[in-house]
């Protein structure tokens, strides 16, 4: 876990929102055709007012920071929060 990389990722409010949306995907993406246990398909974020390129950029930052994981199913890529990394980061902040 790279705490500096995570702090940079969390510095943008849209990325914080994406993490919040991914915490409760059933509330924010109820119309996704694929099961939400796979994660949220990147295309679903466009419904939240974000363009595809903006979504891709933000998701890439979150993935590099280790805050989300991906799973490819056919042509789709699904995103989920990496709860283990998030918990480790929260603990490391508490140790300051």
C-alpha atoms as a PDB file:
ATOM      1  CA  UNK A   1       0.000   0.000   0.000  1.00  0.00           C
ATOM      2  CA  UNK A   2       1.375   3.390  -1.048  1.00  0.00           C
ATOM      3  CA  UNK A   3      -0.152   5.922   1.331  1.00  0.00           C
ATOM      4  CA  UNK A   4       1.009   8.895  -0.778  1.00  0.00           C
ATOM      5  CA  UNK A   5      -0.609   7.456  -3.904  1.00  0.00           C
ATOM      6  CA  UNK A   6      -3.857   6.889  -2.010  1.00  0.00           C
ATOM      7  CA  UNK A   7      -3.832  10.437  -0.632  1.00  0.00           C
ATOM      8  CA  UNK A   8      -3.366  11.794  -4.167  1.00  0.00           C
ATOM      9  CA  UNK A   9      -6.259   9.653  -5.395  1.00  0.00           C
ATOM     10  CA  UNK A  10      -8.499  10.899  -2.593  1.00  0.00           C
ATOM     11  CA  UNK A  11      -7.614  14.533  -3.306  1.00  0.00           C
ATOM     12  CA  UNK A  12     -10.260  14.768  -6.041  1.00  0.00           C
ATOM     13  CA  UNK A  13     -13.929  14.874  -4.970  1.00  0.00           C
ATOM     14  CA  UNK A  14     -15.112  12.857  -7.976  1.00  0.00           C
ATOM     15  CA  UNK A  15     -12.871   9.944  -6.986  1.00  0.00           C
ATOM     16  CA  UNK A  16     -14.145  10.141  -3.424  1.00  0.00           C
ATOM     17  CA  UNK A  17     -17.689  10.033  -4.845  1.00  0.00           C
ATOM     18  CA  UNK A  18     -16.832   7.022  -7.002  1.00  0.00           C
ATOM     19  CA  UNK A  19     -15.579   5.167  -3.928  1.00  0.00           C
ATOM     20  CA  UNK A  20     -18.758   6.105  -2.056  1.00  0.00           C
ATOM     21  CA  UNK A  21     -20.910   4.919  -4.970  1.00  0.00           C
ATOM     22  CA  UNK A  22     -18.994   1.643  -5.085  1.00  0.00           C
ATOM     23  CA  UNK A  23     -19.533   1.122  -1.367  1.00  0.00           C
ATOM     24  CA  UNK A  24     -23.290   0.843  -1.965  1.00  0.00           C
ATOM     25  CA  UNK A  25     -23.662  -0.042  -5.644  1.00  0.00           C
ATOM     26  CA  UNK A  26     -27.240  -1.271  -5.228  1.00  0.00           C
ATOM     27  CA  UNK A  27     -28.287   2.299  -4.347  1.00  0.00           C
ATOM     28  CA  UNK A  28     -26.379   4.051  -7.120  1.00  0.00           C
ATOM     29  CA  UNK A  29     -26.489   1.532  -9.972  1.00  0.00           C
ATOM     30  CA  UNK A  30     -29.792  -0.358  -9.565  1.00  0.00           C
ATOM     31  CA  UNK A  31     -30.340  -0.721 -13.315  1.00  0.00           C
ATOM     32  CA  UNK A  32     -27.076  -2.501 -14.127  1.00  0.00           C
ATOM     33  CA  UNK A  33     -27.919  -5.613 -16.121  1.00  0.00           C
ATOM     34  CA  UNK A  34     -25.038  -7.687 -14.763  1.00  0.00           C
ATOM     35  CA  UNK A  35     -25.005  -8.844 -11.131  1.00  0.00           C
ATOM     36  CA  UNK A  36     -23.511  -6.199  -8.851  1.00  0.00           C
ATOM     37  CA  UNK A  37     -21.411  -8.828  -7.085  1.00  0.00           C
ATOM     38  CA  UNK A  38     -19.190  -8.686 -10.200  1.00  0.00           C
ATOM     39  CA  UNK A  39     -18.686  -4.982  -9.520  1.00  0.00           C
ATOM     40  CA  UNK A  40     -19.903  -1.925 -11.387  1.00  0.00           C
ATOM     41  CA  UNK A  41     -19.354  -1.692 -15.121  1.00  0.00           C
ATOM     42  CA  UNK A  42     -17.415   1.452 -16.085  1.00  0.00           C
ATOM     43  CA  UNK A  43     -20.232   2.512 -18.420  1.00  0.00           C
ATOM     44  CA  UNK A  44     -22.594   2.804 -15.472  1.00  0.00           C
ATOM     45  CA  UNK A  45     -20.756   5.850 -14.136  1.00  0.00           C
ATOM     46  CA  UNK A  46     -21.900   7.901 -17.148  1.00  0.00           C
ATOM     47  CA  UNK A  47     -25.368   7.920 -15.576  1.00  0.00           C
ATOM     48  CA  UNK A  48     -23.874   9.965 -12.761  1.00  0.00           C
ATOM     49  CA  UNK A  49     -23.049  12.797 -15.157  1.00  0.00           C
ATOM     50  CA  UNK A  50     -19.492  11.814 -16.059  1.00  0.00           C
ATOM     51  CA  UNK A  51     -18.146  11.310 -19.574  1.00  0.00           C
ATOM     52  CA  UNK A  52     -16.511   8.019 -20.524  1.00  0.00           C
ATOM     53  CA  UNK A  53     -13.049   9.583 -20.716  1.00  0.00           C
ATOM     54  CA  UNK A  54     -13.462  11.252 -17.312  1.00  0.00           C
ATOM     55  CA  UNK A  55     -14.624   7.998 -15.758  1.00  0.00           C
ATOM     56  CA  UNK A  56     -11.700   6.112 -17.283  1.00  0.00           C
ATOM     57  CA  UNK A  57      -9.185   8.631 -15.957  1.00  0.00           C
ATOM     58  CA  UNK A  58     -10.599   8.616 -12.452  1.00  0.00           C
ATOM     59  CA  UNK A  59     -10.903   4.836 -12.317  1.00  0.00           C
ATOM     60  CA  UNK A  60      -7.301   4.472 -13.499  1.00  0.00           C
ATOM     61  CA  UNK A  61      -6.088   6.704 -10.666  1.00  0.00           C
ATOM     62  CA  UNK A  62      -8.107   4.714  -8.138  1.00  0.00           C
ATOM     63  CA  UNK A  63      -6.770   1.447  -9.545  1.00  0.00           C
ATOM     64  CA  UNK A  64      -3.133   2.616  -9.452  1.00  0.00           C
ATOM     65  CA  UNK A  65      -3.647   3.622  -5.827  1.00  0.00           C
ATOM     66  CA  UNK A  66      -5.000   0.137  -5.090  1.00  0.00           C
ATOM     67  CA  UNK A  67      -8.408   1.422  -3.975  1.00  0.00           C
ATOM     68  CA  UNK A  68     -10.348  -0.504  -6.623  1.00  0.00           C
ATOM     69  CA  UNK A  69      -9.936  -3.846  -8.313  1.00  0.00           C
ATOM     70  CA  UNK A  70     -11.032  -4.824 -11.798  1.00  0.00           C
ATOM     71  CA  UNK A  71     -12.540  -7.896 -13.333  1.00  0.00           C
ATOM     72  CA  UNK A  72     -12.948  -8.386 -17.067  1.00  0.00           C
ATOM     73  CA  UNK A  73     -15.973 -10.311 -18.266  1.00  0.00           C
ATOM     74  CA  UNK A  74     -16.158 -10.424 -22.051  1.00  0.00           C
ATOM     75  CA  UNK A  75     -15.996  -6.852 -23.306  1.00  0.00           C
ATOM     76  CA  UNK A  76     -16.874  -5.293 -19.952  1.00  0.00           C
ATOM     77  CA  UNK A  77     -14.642  -4.294 -17.071  1.00  0.00           C
ATOM     78  CA  UNK A  78     -16.171  -4.260 -13.612  1.00  0.00           C
ATOM     79  CA  UNK A  79     -14.861  -2.230 -10.678  1.00  0.00           C
ATOM     80  CA  UNK A  80     -15.095  -2.957  -6.973  1.00  0.00           C
ATOM     81  CA  UNK A  81     -13.645  -1.290  -3.915  1.00  0.00           C
ATOM     82  CA  UNK A  82     -10.604  -3.045  -2.478  1.00  0.00           C
ATOM     83  CA  UNK A  83     -11.813  -3.135   1.112  1.00  0.00           C
ATOM     84  CA  UNK A  84      -8.574  -4.712   2.348  1.00  0.00           C
ATOM     85  CA  UNK A  85      -6.449  -1.831   1.043  1.00  0.00           C
ATOM     86  CA  UNK A  86      -8.963   0.748   2.285  1.00  0.00           C
ATOM     87  CA  UNK A  87      -8.906  -0.785   5.774  1.00  0.00           C
ATOM     88  CA  UNK A  88      -5.090  -0.862   5.811  1.00  0.00           C
ATOM     89  CA  UNK A  89      -4.975   2.780   4.732  1.00  0.00           C
ATOM     90  CA  UNK A  90      -7.456   3.820   7.396  1.00  0.00           C
ATOM     91  CA  UNK A  91      -5.412   1.988  10.020  1.00  0.00           C
ATOM     92  CA  UNK A  92      -2.186   3.624   8.830  1.00  0.00           C
ATOM     93  CA  UNK A  93      -3.785   7.065   9.119  1.00  0.00           C
ATOM     94  CA  UNK A  94      -4.837   6.240  12.673  1.00  0.00           C
ATOM     95  CA  UNK A  95      -1.228   5.422  13.486  1.00  0.00           C
ATOM     96  CA  UNK A  96      -0.049   8.970  12.727  1.00  0.00           C
END
